[in-house]
Amino acid sequence: MRFAPDASLVLAPLVVLALLGGAPQDARAQNFWDLFKPQPKTAEPTNPPKQAIPGAAGPGGPYSAPPPWLEPRSRPVERADLAPAVDDGSELPVQLWRGLDIKSMETALAEIDLPPRSPVLNNLWRRMLRSTAPPPAGASEDHFLALRLEALYRSGLLEDMGRVLNATGSTAPAIQALRVRRDIGLGHRETGCRLATALAARNGPGARLKGEAQLFAGYCAAVSGDKAGAGLSAALAREEGLDAELPIEVLEGVAAGIKPKVHLGKRALLLDYRFLELLGPVNTAQL
């Protein structure tokens, strides 16, 4: 088993989520934050005695002894001094997500602005999301994997997203939907539509996934020139309550043979761009 260089990296997710503006308010996490509270100052003696340093000039020497943390270690660093690290290249501890639960993470990820603007935070963010450390409390492997993939997608880290997908054998509907989203986003229409067809035929996914599957099916229908199929998929996506107004408007326009006036929000997603392409060349400056 490998070991992380610093056991304090167990706090990395808490620090990153806090700096991004979404620190969870979980009681267990709060215990870790106590470590960062300023400690009360203790009274210092007026004239603290100076310790002599061997070889220093003058009686007692002109310098006081160095603080303990600057003194050379009396022994080499042992494996027991370090936190066990995940053997995935991330150099992060096995207990990376300690102090967090899945609900707190979902709440935090819904509120923070991605990707991190700081290069240092962004690098740590990527390492955290690519890490194969065990999931936090209350999360299944597939649930947590989907959460990591969603965060990578929202951060624009599609190459990292592909690495995580290639390393998993999960065929859960949520994971397959994220595969389709990535493939279509990268312009891999053939692969994306093949996966989308299989996803739409599956039973069991929740309403949101059903709506997203219909949206993918509508995109593939529009690409193949099936206007009726695009319109039907748009109607079914609305029926499932999917909140994706721009792609649905595009599919309805394709079905009617017109270029609709789509409503651009404050932020355009990669899939929004791919759907706008169905109507013709996209004015990227305006987008």
Foldseek 3Di string as FASTA:
>chain_A
DAFFPAQVLLCVVQVLLVVQPQHFPDPLLVVVCVVVDDDDDDDDDPDDDAAADPPADDVSHPHGDDDPVPDDDPDDDDRVNTADCAPPPLSGHLSNPPSDAPVSVVRSLVPGQADDPDPVSNSNLLSVLLGPRDDHPPDDPVRSVLVSLVRCQNNVNLVSSVVSLVVDPDPPLSSLLSVLVSCLLVVVLVVSLVSLVVSCPDPDDALQSNLSSLLNQLLNCLVVLNLVSNLVSLVSSVVSVHDDQQSSVLSNCSNVVHDDDGDDDPDDHSVSVSSNCSVPDDPVVVD
